[in-house]
Amino acid sequence: MYKATNDTTILEKASHLTDEWASAMDADGYFYYSRKPQFPHYIYEKTVCGLVDMYAYGGKKSAISYLERITAWAELPLQPDGHTFYYSD
């Protein structure tokens, strides 16, 4: 929305929300709202899109480091065949 309107209030709010979301992320990059989320691949994909948009359209450089963190975590548990391996708690 910011890119279409140039409304900096929108960008500031999106930037703040992105940083607050990242502050809730686990140290290993786990970012889901629960330990066994429904549709983890879908949630991951939508989160990736949001972070890429924040970087590309909002100029938020930290979005790339957030993306790197969640991707580093996702490489093992999110399998390409749609299965998910969860770490044992």
PDB file of N, CA and C in Angstrom:
ATOM      1  N   MET A   1       0.826  -1.178   0.000  1.00  0.00           N
ATOM      2  CA  MET A   1       0.000   0.000   0.000  1.00  0.00           C
ATOM      3  C   MET A   1       0.883   1.259   0.000  1.00  0.00           C
ATOM      4  N   TYR A   2       1.975   1.204   0.760  1.00  0.00           N
ATOM      5  CA  TYR A   2       2.878   2.364   0.805  1.00  0.00           C
ATOM      6  C   TYR A   2       3.391   2.710  -0.591  1.00  0.00           C
ATOM      7  N   LYS A   3       3.818   1.698  -1.333  1.00  0.00           N
ATOM      8  CA  LYS A   3       4.398   1.947  -2.655  1.00  0.00           C
ATOM      9  C   LYS A   3       3.391   2.606  -3.585  1.00  0.00           C
ATOM     10  N   ALA A   4       2.106   2.251  -3.436  1.00  0.00           N
ATOM     11  CA  ALA A   4       1.071   2.819  -4.299  1.00  0.00           C
ATOM     12  C   ALA A   4       0.683   4.240  -3.882  1.00  0.00           C
ATOM     13  N   THR A   5       0.776   4.531  -2.590  1.00  0.00           N
ATOM     14  CA  THR A   5       0.277   5.822  -2.094  1.00  0.00           C
ATOM     15  C   THR A   5       1.370   6.786  -1.640  1.00  0.00           C
ATOM     16  N   ASN A   6       2.563   6.262  -1.382  1.00  0.00           N
ATOM     17  CA  ASN A   6       3.662   7.051  -0.799  1.00  0.00           C
ATOM     18  C   ASN A   6       3.300   7.627   0.560  1.00  0.00           C
ATOM     19  N   ASP A   7       2.379   6.973   1.230  1.00  0.00           N
ATOM     20  CA  ASP A   7       1.967   7.392   2.579  1.00  0.00           C
ATOM     21  C   ASP A   7       2.979   6.832   3.573  1.00  0.00           C
ATOM     22  N   THR A   8       3.837   7.681   4.091  1.00  0.00           N
ATOM     23  CA  THR A   8       4.901   7.211   4.983  1.00  0.00           C
ATOM     24  C   THR A   8       4.363   6.667   6.303  1.00  0.00           C
ATOM     25  N   THR A   9       3.156   7.077   6.681  1.00  0.00           N
ATOM     26  CA  THR A   9       2.549   6.527   7.899  1.00  0.00           C
ATOM     27  C   THR A   9       2.342   5.021   7.753  1.00  0.00           C
ATOM     28  N   ILE A  10       1.922   4.590   6.572  1.00  0.00           N
ATOM     29  CA  ILE A  10       1.734   3.162   6.303  1.00  0.00           C
ATOM     30  C   ILE A  10       3.071   2.439   6.395  1.00  0.00           C
ATOM     31  N   LEU A  11       4.094   3.007   5.783  1.00  0.00           N
ATOM     32  CA  LEU A  11       5.421   2.393   5.823  1.00  0.00           C
ATOM     33  C   LEU A  11       5.947   2.306   7.249  1.00  0.00           C
ATOM     34  N   GLU A  12       5.786   3.355   8.023  1.00  0.00           N
ATOM     35  CA  GLU A  12       6.254   3.347   9.412  1.00  0.00           C
ATOM     36  C   GLU A  12       5.538   2.278  10.233  1.00  0.00           C
ATOM     37  N   LYS A  13       4.242   2.148  10.037  1.00  0.00           N
ATOM     38  CA  LYS A  13       3.489   1.133  10.777  1.00  0.00           C
ATOM     39  C   LYS A  13       3.928  -0.268  10.347  1.00  0.00           C
ATOM     40  N   ALA A  14       4.058  -0.493   9.049  1.00  0.00           N
ATOM     41  CA  ALA A  14       4.494  -1.805   8.557  1.00  0.00           C
ATOM     42  C   ALA A  14       5.892  -2.139   9.066  1.00  0.00           C
ATOM     43  N   SER A  15       6.764  -1.151   9.099  1.00  0.00           N
ATOM     44  CA  SER A  15       8.118  -1.353   9.594  1.00  0.00           C
ATOM     45  C   SER A  15       8.106  -1.709  11.078  1.00  0.00           C
ATOM     46  N   HIS A  16       7.315  -0.995  11.831  1.00  0.00           N
ATOM     47  CA  HIS A  16       7.190  -1.273  13.268  1.00  0.00           C
ATOM     48  C   HIS A  16       6.635  -2.677  13.507  1.00  0.00           C
ATOM     49  N   LEU A  17       5.585  -3.044  12.795  1.00  0.00           N
ATOM     50  CA  LEU A  17       4.994  -4.367  12.955  1.00  0.00           C
ATOM     51  C   LEU A  17       5.978  -5.471  12.568  1.00  0.00           C
ATOM     52  N   THR A  18       6.765  -5.238  11.520  1.00  0.00           N
ATOM     53  CA  THR A  18       7.772  -6.219  11.100  1.00  0.00           C
ATOM     54  C   THR A  18       8.815  -6.414  12.196  1.00  0.00           C
ATOM     55  N   ASP A  19       9.283  -5.340  12.780  1.00  0.00           N
ATOM     56  CA  ASP A  19      10.279  -5.442  13.849  1.00  0.00           C
ATOM     57  C   ASP A  19       9.705  -6.115  15.096  1.00  0.00           C
ATOM     58  N   GLU A  20       8.472  -5.802  15.432  1.00  0.00           N
ATOM     59  CA  GLU A  20       7.843  -6.435  16.596  1.00  0.00           C
ATOM     60  C   GLU A  20       7.626  -7.921  16.347  1.00  0.00           C
ATOM     61  N   TRP A  21       7.215  -8.282  15.148  1.00  0.00           N
ATOM     62  CA  TRP A  21       7.068  -9.700  14.791  1.00  0.00           C
ATOM     63  C   TRP A  21       8.421 -10.402  14.940  1.00  0.00           C
ATOM     64  N   ALA A  22       9.479  -9.788  14.424  1.00  0.00           N
ATOM     65  CA  ALA A  22      10.814 -10.400  14.494  1.00  0.00           C
ATOM     66  C   ALA A  22      11.292 -10.538  15.935  1.00  0.00           C
ATOM     67  N   SER A  23      10.906  -9.623  16.801  1.00  0.00           N
ATOM     68  CA  SER A  23      11.334  -9.718  18.202  1.00  0.00           C
ATOM     69  C   SER A  23      10.688 -10.907  18.913  1.00  0.00           C
ATOM     70  N   ALA A  24       9.585 -11.399  18.373  1.00  0.00           N
ATOM     71  CA  ALA A  24       8.915 -12.566  18.958  1.00  0.00           C
ATOM     72  C   ALA A  24       9.441 -13.882  18.401  1.00  0.00           C
ATOM     73  N   MET A  25      10.287 -13.805  17.391  1.00  0.00           N
ATOM     74  CA  MET A  25      10.846 -14.998  16.772  1.00  0.00           C
ATOM     75  C   MET A  25      11.824 -15.690  17.729  1.00  0.00           C
ATOM     76  N   ASP A  26      11.816 -17.019  17.719  1.00  0.00           N
ATOM     77  CA  ASP A  26      12.787 -17.759  18.530  1.00  0.00           C
ATOM     78  C   ASP A  26      14.204 -17.515  18.001  1.00  0.00           C
ATOM     79  N   ALA A  27      15.181 -17.758  18.830  1.00  0.00           N
ATOM     80  CA  ALA A  27      16.585 -17.553  18.456  1.00  0.00           C
ATOM     81  C   ALA A  27      16.988 -18.368  17.230  1.00  0.00           C
ATOM     82  N   ASP A  28      16.385 -19.564  17.075  1.00  0.00           N
ATOM     83  CA  ASP A  28      16.733 -20.426  15.942  1.00  0.00           C
ATOM     84  C   ASP A  28      15.968 -20.079  14.663  1.00  0.00           C
ATOM     85  N   GLY A  29      15.094 -19.071  14.712  1.00  0.00           N
ATOM     86  CA  GLY A  29      14.341 -18.653  13.539  1.00  0.00           C
ATOM     87  C   GLY A  29      12.923 -19.175  13.480  1.00  0.00           C
ATOM     88  N   TYR A  30      12.512 -19.943  14.493  1.00  0.00           N
ATOM     89  CA  TYR A  30      11.133 -20.441  14.518  1.00  0.00           C
ATOM     90  C   TYR A  30      10.205 -19.250  14.728  1.00  0.00           C
ATOM     91  N   PHE A  31       9.203 -19.105  13.865  1.00  0.00           N
ATOM     92  CA  PHE A  31       8.375 -17.898  13.874  1.00  0.00           C
ATOM     93  C   PHE A  31       6.880 -18.151  13.937  1.00  0.00           C
ATOM     94  N   TYR A  32       6.475 -19.398  13.968  1.00  0.00           N
ATOM     95  CA  TYR A  32       5.047 -19.708  13.965  1.00  0.00           C
ATOM     96  C   TYR A  32       4.400 -19.359  15.305  1.00  0.00           C
ATOM     97  N   TYR A  33       3.080 -19.241  15.289  1.00  0.00           N
ATOM     98  CA  TYR A  33       2.318 -18.856  16.479  1.00  0.00           C
ATOM     99  C   TYR A  33       2.103 -20.024  17.435  1.00  0.00           C
ATOM    100  N   SER A  34       2.362 -21.251  16.978  1.00  0.00           N
ATOM    101  CA  SER A  34       2.220 -22.422  17.855  1.00  0.00           C
ATOM    102  C   SER A  34       3.290 -23.439  17.480  1.00  0.00           C
ATOM    103  N   ARG A  35       3.426 -24.478  18.273  1.00  0.00           N
ATOM    104  CA  ARG A  35       4.437 -25.509  18.003  1.00  0.00           C
ATOM    105  C   ARG A  35       4.024 -26.464  16.901  1.00  0.00           C
ATOM    106  N   LYS A  36       2.748 -26.544  16.597  1.00  0.00           N
ATOM    107  CA  LYS A  36       2.283 -27.385  15.490  1.00  0.00           C
ATOM    108  C   LYS A  36       1.243 -26.612  14.681  1.00  0.00           C
ATOM    109  N   PRO A  37       1.697 -25.618  13.920  1.00  0.00           N
ATOM    110  CA  PRO A  37       0.752 -24.791  13.167  1.00  0.00           C
ATOM    111  C   PRO A  37       0.108 -25.577  12.026  1.00  0.00           C
ATOM    112  N   GLN A  38      -1.103 -25.180  11.679  1.00  0.00           N
ATOM    113  CA  GLN A  38      -1.726 -25.757  10.494  1.00  0.00           C
ATOM    114  C   GLN A  38      -1.126 -25.075   9.275  1.00  0.00           C
ATOM    115  N   PHE A  39      -0.926 -25.828   8.233  1.00  0.00           N
ATOM    116  CA  PHE A  39      -0.432 -25.307   6.960  1.00  0.00           C
ATOM    117  C   PHE A  39       0.898 -24.561   7.079  1.00  0.00           C
ATOM    118  N   PRO A  40       1.916 -25.182   7.656  1.00  0.00           N
ATOM    119  CA  PRO A  40       3.188 -24.466   7.871  1.00  0.00           C
ATOM    120  C   PRO A  40       3.869 -23.993   6.587  1.00  0.00           C
ATOM    121  N   HIS A  41       3.740 -24.764   5.495  1.00  0.00           N
ATOM    122  CA  HIS A  41       4.362 -24.333   4.243  1.00  0.00           C
ATOM    123  C   HIS A  41       3.709 -23.054   3.722  1.00  0.00           C
ATOM    124  N   TYR A  42       2.394 -22.994   3.816  1.00  0.00           N
ATOM    125  CA  TYR A  42       1.651 -21.816   3.374  1.00  0.00           C
ATOM    126  C   TYR A  42       2.028 -20.590   4.215  1.00  0.00           C
ATOM    127  N   ILE A  43       2.072 -20.770   5.510  1.00  0.00           N
ATOM    128  CA  ILE A  43       2.432 -19.659   6.404  1.00  0.00           C
ATOM    129  C   ILE A  43       3.851 -19.182   6.098  1.00  0.00           C
ATOM    130  N   TYR A  44       4.764 -20.118   5.892  1.00  0.00           N
ATOM    131  CA  TYR A  44       6.146 -19.755   5.556  1.00  0.00           C
ATOM    132  C   TYR A  44       6.177 -18.943   4.263  1.00  0.00           C
ATOM    133  N   GLU A  45       5.469 -19.430   3.236  1.00  0.00           N
ATOM    134  CA  GLU A  45       5.489 -18.772   1.938  1.00  0.00           C
ATOM    135  C   GLU A  45       4.932 -17.355   2.028  1.00  0.00           C
ATOM    136  N   LYS A  46       3.849 -17.171   2.756  1.00  0.00           N
ATOM    137  CA  LYS A  46       3.252 -15.838   2.899  1.00  0.00           C
ATOM    138  C   LYS A  46       4.165 -14.912   3.706  1.00  0.00           C
ATOM    139  N   THR A  47       4.859 -15.457   4.690  1.00  0.00           N
ATOM    140  CA  THR A  47       5.796 -14.658   5.479  1.00  0.00           C
ATOM    141  C   THR A  47       6.976 -14.222   4.616  1.00  0.00           C
ATOM    142  N   VAL A  48       7.477 -15.140   3.787  1.00  0.00           N
ATOM    143  CA  VAL A  48       8.553 -14.797   2.856  1.00  0.00           C
ATOM    144  C   VAL A  48       8.116 -13.656   1.949  1.00  0.00           C
ATOM    145  N   CYS A  49       6.915 -13.752   1.396  1.00  0.00           N
ATOM    146  CA  CYS A  49       6.420 -12.693   0.504  1.00  0.00           C
ATOM    147  C   CYS A  49       6.359 -11.348   1.217  1.00  0.00           C
ATOM    148  N   GLY A  50       5.874 -11.345   2.446  1.00  0.00           N
ATOM    149  CA  GLY A  50       5.785 -10.097   3.206  1.00  0.00           C
ATOM    150  C   GLY A  50       7.150  -9.488   3.470  1.00  0.00           C
ATOM    151  N   LEU A  51       8.115 -10.321   3.812  1.00  0.00           N
ATOM    152  CA  LEU A  51       9.459  -9.813   4.078  1.00  0.00           C
ATOM    153  C   LEU A  51      10.131  -9.296   2.809  1.00  0.00           C
ATOM    154  N   VAL A  52       9.932 -10.005   1.707  1.00  0.00           N
ATOM    155  CA  VAL A  52      10.485  -9.541   0.427  1.00  0.00           C
ATOM    156  C   VAL A  52       9.843  -8.210   0.041  1.00  0.00           C
ATOM    157  N   ASP A  53       8.539  -8.075   0.225  1.00  0.00           N
ATOM    158  CA  ASP A  53       7.866  -6.813  -0.068  1.00  0.00           C
ATOM    159  C   ASP A  53       8.389  -5.678   0.801  1.00  0.00           C
ATOM    160  N   MET A  54       8.593  -5.960   2.088  1.00  0.00           N
ATOM    161  CA  MET A  54       9.122  -4.913   2.974  1.00  0.00           C
ATOM    162  C   MET A  54      10.504  -4.454   2.507  1.00  0.00           C
ATOM    163  N   TYR A  55      11.304  -5.379   2.026  1.00  0.00           N
ATOM    164  CA  TYR A  55      12.628  -5.016   1.519  1.00  0.00           C
ATOM    165  C   TYR A  55      12.525  -4.285   0.179  1.00  0.00           C
ATOM    166  N   ALA A  56      11.784  -4.876  -0.762  1.00  0.00           N
ATOM    167  CA  ALA A  56      11.735  -4.338  -2.126  1.00  0.00           C
ATOM    168  C   ALA A  56      10.955  -3.035  -2.224  1.00  0.00           C
ATOM    169  N   TYR A  57       9.829  -2.956  -1.542  1.00  0.00           N
ATOM    170  CA  TYR A  57       8.961  -1.785  -1.689  1.00  0.00           C
ATOM    171  C   TYR A  57       9.080  -0.798  -0.531  1.00  0.00           C
ATOM    172  N   GLY A  58       9.536  -1.285   0.612  1.00  0.00           N
ATOM    173  CA  GLY A  58       9.655  -0.406   1.769  1.00  0.00           C
ATOM    174  C   GLY A  58      11.081  -0.030   2.104  1.00  0.00           C
ATOM    175  N   GLY A  59      12.046  -0.676   1.429  1.00  0.00           N
ATOM    176  CA  GLY A  59      13.447  -0.356   1.675  1.00  0.00           C
ATOM    177  C   GLY A  59      13.952  -0.803   3.035  1.00  0.00           C
ATOM    178  N   LYS A  60      13.270  -1.758   3.638  1.00  0.00           N
ATOM    179  CA  LYS A  60      13.640  -2.217   4.988  1.00  0.00           C
ATOM    180  C   LYS A  60      14.712  -3.300   4.875  1.00  0.00           C
ATOM    181  N   LYS A  61      15.950  -2.914   5.082  1.00  0.00           N
ATOM    182  CA  LYS A  61      17.072  -3.837   4.932  1.00  0.00           C
ATOM    183  C   LYS A  61      17.034  -4.982   5.945  1.00  0.00           C
ATOM    184  N   SER A  62      16.536  -4.732   7.145  1.00  0.00           N
ATOM    185  CA  SER A  62      16.485  -5.790   8.156  1.00  0.00           C
ATOM    186  C   SER A  62      15.535  -6.919   7.769  1.00  0.00           C
ATOM    187  N   ALA A  63      14.625  -6.674   6.840  1.00  0.00           N
ATOM    188  CA  ALA A  63      13.711  -7.732   6.401  1.00  0.00           C
ATOM    189  C   ALA A  63      14.484  -8.900   5.804  1.00  0.00           C
ATOM    190  N   ILE A  64      15.613  -8.634   5.175  1.00  0.00           N
ATOM    191  CA  ILE A  64      16.427  -9.710   4.598  1.00  0.00           C
ATOM    192  C   ILE A  64      17.051 -10.561   5.700  1.00  0.00           C
ATOM    193  N   SER A  65      17.507  -9.951   6.772  1.00  0.00           N
ATOM    194  CA  SER A  65      18.075 -10.754   7.868  1.00  0.00           C
ATOM    195  C   SER A  65      16.977 -11.580   8.534  1.00  0.00           C
ATOM    196  N   TYR A  66      15.763 -11.039   8.634  1.00  0.00           N
ATOM    197  CA  TYR A  66      14.645 -11.819   9.181  1.00  0.00           C
ATOM    198  C   TYR A  66      14.345 -12.996   8.255  1.00  0.00           C
ATOM    199  N   LEU A  67      14.360 -12.738   6.969  1.00  0.00           N
ATOM    200  CA  LEU A  67      14.127 -13.789   5.982  1.00  0.00           C
ATOM    201  C   LEU A  67      15.195 -14.869   6.069  1.00  0.00           C
ATOM    202  N   GLU A  68      16.434 -14.470   6.234  1.00  0.00           N
ATOM    203  CA  GLU A  68      17.521 -15.447   6.369  1.00  0.00           C
ATOM    204  C   GLU A  68      17.318 -16.314   7.603  1.00  0.00           C
ATOM    205  N   ARG A  69      16.873 -15.714   8.698  1.00  0.00           N
ATOM    206  CA  ARG A  69      16.660 -16.473   9.940  1.00  0.00           C
ATOM    207  C   ARG A  69      15.554 -17.507   9.790  1.00  0.00           C
ATOM    208  N   ILE A  70      14.415 -17.117   9.220  1.00  0.00           N
ATOM    209  CA  ILE A  70      13.323 -18.089   9.112  1.00  0.00           C
ATOM    210  C   ILE A  70      13.644 -19.162   8.073  1.00  0.00           C
ATOM    211  N   THR A  71      14.389 -18.794   7.043  1.00  0.00           N
ATOM    212  CA  THR A  71      14.756 -19.767   6.020  1.00  0.00           C
ATOM    213  C   THR A  71      15.774 -20.761   6.558  1.00  0.00           C
ATOM    214  N   ALA A  72      16.722 -20.290   7.344  1.00  0.00           N
ATOM    215  CA  ALA A  72      17.697 -21.205   7.955  1.00  0.00           C
ATOM    216  C   ALA A  72      16.972 -22.230   8.827  1.00  0.00           C
ATOM    217  N   TRP A  73      15.961 -21.786   9.554  1.00  0.00           N
ATOM    218  CA  TRP A  73      15.189 -22.727  10.371  1.00  0.00           C
ATOM    219  C   TRP A  73      14.396 -23.674   9.481  1.00  0.00           C
ATOM    220  N   ALA A  74      13.760 -23.164   8.438  1.00  0.00           N
ATOM    221  CA  ALA A  74      12.828 -23.939   7.615  1.00  0.00           C
ATOM    222  C   ALA A  74      13.500 -24.992   6.746  1.00  0.00           C
ATOM    223  N   GLU A  75      14.786 -24.873   6.511  1.00  0.00           N
ATOM    224  CA  GLU A  75      15.455 -25.810   5.600  1.00  0.00           C
ATOM    225  C   GLU A  75      15.306 -27.267   6.027  1.00  0.00           C
ATOM    226  N   LEU A  76      15.319 -27.566   7.294  1.00  0.00           N
ATOM    227  CA  LEU A  76      15.173 -28.949   7.731  1.00  0.00           C
ATOM    228  C   LEU A  76      13.713 -29.365   7.901  1.00  0.00           C
ATOM    229  N   PRO A  77      12.915 -28.671   8.685  1.00  0.00           N
ATOM    230  CA  PRO A  77      11.584 -29.184   8.975  1.00  0.00           C
ATOM    231  C   PRO A  77      10.562 -29.064   7.845  1.00  0.00           C
ATOM    232  N   LEU A  78      10.677 -28.093   6.980  1.00  0.00           N
ATOM    233  CA  LEU A  78       9.699 -27.947   5.902  1.00  0.00           C
ATOM    234  C   LEU A  78      10.214 -28.674   4.668  1.00  0.00           C
ATOM    235  N   GLN A  79       9.707 -29.855   4.461  1.00  0.00           N
ATOM    236  CA  GLN A  79      10.165 -30.707   3.369  1.00  0.00           C
ATOM    237  C   GLN A  79       9.447 -30.349   2.067  1.00  0.00           C
ATOM    238  N   PRO A  80      10.144 -30.478   0.913  1.00  0.00           N
ATOM    239  CA  PRO A  80       9.537 -30.112  -0.365  1.00  0.00           C
ATOM    240  C   PRO A  80       8.316 -30.957  -0.732  1.00  0.00           C
ATOM    241  N   ASP A  81       8.190 -32.137  -0.155  1.00  0.00           N
ATOM    242  CA  ASP A  81       7.046 -32.990  -0.487  1.00  0.00           C
ATOM    243  C   ASP A  81       5.786 -32.613   0.290  1.00  0.00           C
ATOM    244  N   GLY A  82       5.849 -31.525   1.045  1.00  0.00           N
ATOM    245  CA  GLY A  82       4.688 -31.070   1.791  1.00  0.00           C
ATOM    246  C   GLY A  82       4.613 -31.603   3.200  1.00  0.00           C
ATOM    247  N   HIS A  83       5.525 -32.480   3.564  1.00  0.00           N
ATOM    248  CA  HIS A  83       5.558 -33.000   4.927  1.00  0.00           C
ATOM    249  C   HIS A  83       6.361 -32.051   5.811  1.00  0.00           C
ATOM    250  N   THR A  84       6.091 -32.139   7.069  1.00  0.00           N
ATOM    251  CA  THR A  84       6.785 -31.283   8.029  1.00  0.00           C
ATOM    252  C   THR A  84       7.359 -32.144   9.134  1.00  0.00           C
ATOM    253  N   PHE A  85       8.623 -31.951   9.386  1.00  0.00           N
ATOM    254  CA  PHE A  85       9.273 -32.612  10.499  1.00  0.00           C
ATOM    255  C   PHE A  85       9.380 -31.599  11.633  1.00  0.00           C
ATOM    256  N   TYR A  86       8.818 -31.940  12.780  1.00  0.00           N
ATOM    257  CA  TYR A  86       8.889 -31.026  13.906  1.00  0.00           C
ATOM    258  C   TYR A  86       9.961 -31.497  14.886  1.00  0.00           C
ATOM    259  N   TYR A  87      10.654 -30.537  15.431  1.00  0.00           N
ATOM    260  CA  TYR A  87      11.597 -30.848  16.475  1.00  0.00           C
ATOM    261  C   TYR A  87      10.818 -31.323  17.699  1.00  0.00           C
ATOM    262  N   SER A  88      11.368 -32.257  18.411  1.00  0.00           N
ATOM    263  CA  SER A  88      10.697 -32.674  19.637  1.00  0.00           C
ATOM    264  C   SER A  88      10.970 -31.645  20.714  1.00  0.00           C
ATOM    265  N   ASP A  89       9.969 -31.381  21.526  1.00  0.00           N
ATOM    266  CA  ASP A  89      10.110 -30.391  22.602  1.00  0.00           C
ATOM    267  C   ASP A  89      10.676 -31.042  23.834  1.00  0.00           C
TER     268      ASP A  89
END
